[in-house]
Amino acid sequence: MLCFVCHTNMPRTGINGQYLEDLMRQHNCAAIWEHPEHADQRTAWLWQMERVTPGDLVFMFANQRSRHGGIIAVGKATGPRQQLLPMQLRPAWYGTEWIVPVEWLTAWNTSEPCPFTALQASFYECDPEQAEVIRAHFNV
């Protein structure tokens, strides 16, 4: 079993922050939204999401700059990475949407996050030692 970190894009508000966190929670998935083809930016480390298999854990990370920084939820992958049509999950976004379907093993706990320092990437494999600390924090 591998463990991965997915950024929720907090503390941004509106369409780029809490809204994205809510979409992932409501649709039972960890998601990455690529920039539209015409944009100058590219999504880093997308290949990491290809490595997820059912049973792997996904840790949801809210940025330390938010009022509830750290790991705020844990999910278990129920399937491999899937590509969605643009605007299927996130309205008015013309870039490719990628998801890993998950079953939430914990409630999204913003009042008692597990302290965590994340890499600057949307989705990546978690260090095994860090994963053990997170699993102990959430009893999973």
Protein backbone atom coordinates (compact mmCIF):
# COMPACT_ATOMS: atom_id res chain seq x y z
CA MET A 1 0.00 0.00 0.00
CA LEU A 2 1.33 3.42 -0.97
CA CYS A 3 0.31 6.74 0.57
CA PHE A 4 -0.13 9.97 -1.38
CA VAL A 5 -0.67 13.65 -0.56
CA CYS A 6 -3.23 15.74 -2.43
CA HIS A 7 -3.35 19.53 -1.98
CA THR A 8 -6.82 20.96 -1.40
CA ASN A 9 -5.62 24.40 -2.58
CA MET A 10 -6.53 26.09 0.71
CA PRO A 11 -6.28 28.88 1.90
CA ARG A 12 -7.45 30.37 -1.37
CA THR A 13 -11.12 31.22 -1.40
CA GLY A 14 -13.73 31.16 -4.12
CA ILE A 15 -13.21 29.03 -7.21
CA ASN A 16 -9.58 28.27 -6.37
CA GLY A 17 -9.71 27.30 -2.71
CA GLN A 18 -12.52 26.20 -0.45
CA TYR A 19 -14.62 25.44 -3.51
CA LEU A 20 -12.09 22.88 -4.79
CA GLU A 21 -11.84 21.31 -1.36
CA ASP A 22 -15.63 21.03 -1.25
CA LEU A 23 -15.74 19.41 -4.72
CA MET A 24 -13.30 16.70 -3.67
CA ARG A 25 -15.15 16.01 -0.42
CA GLN A 26 -18.61 15.93 -2.04
CA HIS A 27 -17.56 13.82 -5.05
CA ASN A 28 -15.46 11.34 -3.05
CA CYS A 29 -12.26 11.94 -4.95
CA ALA A 30 -8.81 13.45 -4.87
CA ALA A 31 -8.46 15.73 -7.88
CA ILE A 32 -5.96 17.62 -9.98
CA TRP A 33 -7.03 20.20 -12.50
CA GLU A 34 -4.57 20.81 -15.31
CA HIS A 35 -4.22 24.27 -16.74
CA PRO A 36 -6.06 24.81 -20.05
CA GLU A 37 -4.00 24.16 -23.19
CA HIS A 38 -3.63 27.88 -23.93
CA ALA A 39 -2.15 28.62 -20.46
CA ASP A 40 1.57 29.10 -19.90
CA GLN A 41 1.53 26.93 -16.75
CA ARG A 42 1.67 23.14 -16.52
CA THR A 43 0.67 20.80 -13.70
CA ALA A 44 3.74 19.25 -12.11
CA TRP A 45 4.01 15.64 -11.04
CA LEU A 46 0.82 14.44 -12.75
CA TRP A 47 2.55 11.08 -13.34
CA GLN A 48 2.43 10.41 -9.59
CA MET A 49 -1.34 10.05 -9.77
CA GLU A 50 -0.91 7.21 -12.33
CA ARG A 51 0.72 5.11 -9.61
CA VAL A 52 -2.35 4.94 -7.36
CA THR A 53 -4.03 1.56 -7.03
CA PRO A 54 -7.14 0.57 -5.07
CA GLY A 55 -6.38 0.39 -1.35
CA ASP A 56 -3.70 3.11 -1.39
CA LEU A 57 -4.24 5.99 1.04
CA VAL A 58 -4.68 9.63 0.05
CA PHE A 59 -3.96 12.36 2.60
CA MET A 60 -5.72 15.68 1.98
CA PHE A 61 -3.45 18.64 2.72
CA ALA A 62 -4.59 22.20 3.46
CA ASN A 63 -1.82 24.77 3.12
CA GLN A 64 -0.12 25.95 6.31
CA ARG A 65 -1.11 29.53 5.44
CA SER A 66 -4.75 28.59 6.00
CA ARG A 67 -6.29 28.71 9.42
CA HIS A 68 -6.33 24.90 9.44
CA GLY A 69 -3.03 23.88 7.85
CA GLY A 70 -1.88 20.27 7.71
CA ILE A 71 -3.50 16.96 6.79
CA ILE A 72 -7.24 17.33 7.29
CA ALA A 73 -8.63 14.03 5.94
CA VAL A 74 -7.67 10.53 4.85
CA GLY A 75 -9.24 8.53 2.05
CA LYS A 76 -8.71 5.05 0.61
CA ALA A 77 -8.45 4.81 -3.18
CA THR A 78 -11.28 2.74 -4.64
CA GLY A 79 -9.96 2.85 -8.19
CA PRO A 80 -7.10 4.07 -10.38
CA ARG A 81 -6.64 7.57 -11.76
CA GLN A 82 -9.39 8.64 -14.15
CA GLN A 83 -9.54 11.44 -16.69
CA LEU A 84 -12.72 13.49 -16.74
CA LEU A 85 -13.97 15.69 -19.49
CA PRO A 86 -13.25 19.37 -18.94
CA MET A 87 -15.92 21.07 -16.81
CA GLN A 88 -17.40 17.75 -15.65
CA LEU A 89 -16.50 18.20 -11.99
CA ARG A 90 -15.32 21.81 -11.90
CA PRO A 91 -17.63 24.11 -13.89
CA ALA A 92 -16.06 26.75 -16.16
CA TRP A 93 -12.61 25.11 -16.08
CA TYR A 94 -11.33 24.20 -19.53
CA GLY A 95 -8.33 22.12 -18.48
CA THR A 96 -8.27 18.36 -18.06
CA GLU A 97 -9.59 17.05 -14.76
CA TRP A 98 -7.93 14.01 -13.19
CA ILE A 99 -9.37 12.18 -10.20
CA VAL A 100 -8.70 9.23 -7.96
CA PRO A 101 -11.99 7.94 -6.51
CA VAL A 102 -11.78 7.52 -2.74
CA GLU A 103 -13.77 6.36 0.24
CA TRP A 104 -13.25 8.82 3.09
CA LEU A 105 -11.95 6.96 6.13
CA THR A 106 -12.08 10.08 8.30
CA ALA A 107 -14.21 13.16 8.54
CA TRP A 108 -12.59 16.29 7.11
CA ASN A 109 -11.17 17.64 10.36
CA THR A 110 -10.10 21.24 10.02
CA SER A 111 -10.03 21.88 13.77
CA GLU A 112 -7.34 19.28 14.55
CA PRO A 113 -5.19 18.78 11.45
CA CYS A 114 -2.12 16.58 11.52
CA PRO A 115 0.89 18.91 11.25
CA PHE A 116 2.60 18.39 7.91
CA THR A 117 5.02 20.22 5.64
CA ALA A 118 4.13 19.48 2.03
CA LEU A 119 6.04 19.73 -1.23
CA GLN A 120 5.01 22.25 -3.88
CA ALA A 121 3.09 19.70 -5.95
CA SER A 122 -0.59 18.94 -6.40
CA PHE A 123 -0.31 15.19 -5.85
CA TYR A 124 2.65 13.02 -4.86
CA GLU A 125 3.74 9.97 -2.88
CA CYS A 126 4.17 10.58 0.83
CA ASP A 127 7.37 9.65 2.65
CA PRO A 128 6.71 6.39 4.59
CA GLU A 129 7.80 7.86 7.93
CA GLN A 130 5.48 10.85 7.48
CA ALA A 131 2.69 8.48 6.43
CA GLU A 132 3.01 6.56 9.71
CA VAL A 133 2.67 9.79 11.73
CA ILE A 134 -0.44 10.76 9.74
CA ARG A 135 -1.99 7.29 10.06
CA ALA A 136 -1.42 7.35 13.82
CA HIS A 137 -2.94 10.83 14.10
CA PHE A 138 -6.14 9.66 12.36
CA ASN A 139 -6.09 6.06 13.67
CA VAL A 140 -6.17 4.51 10.18
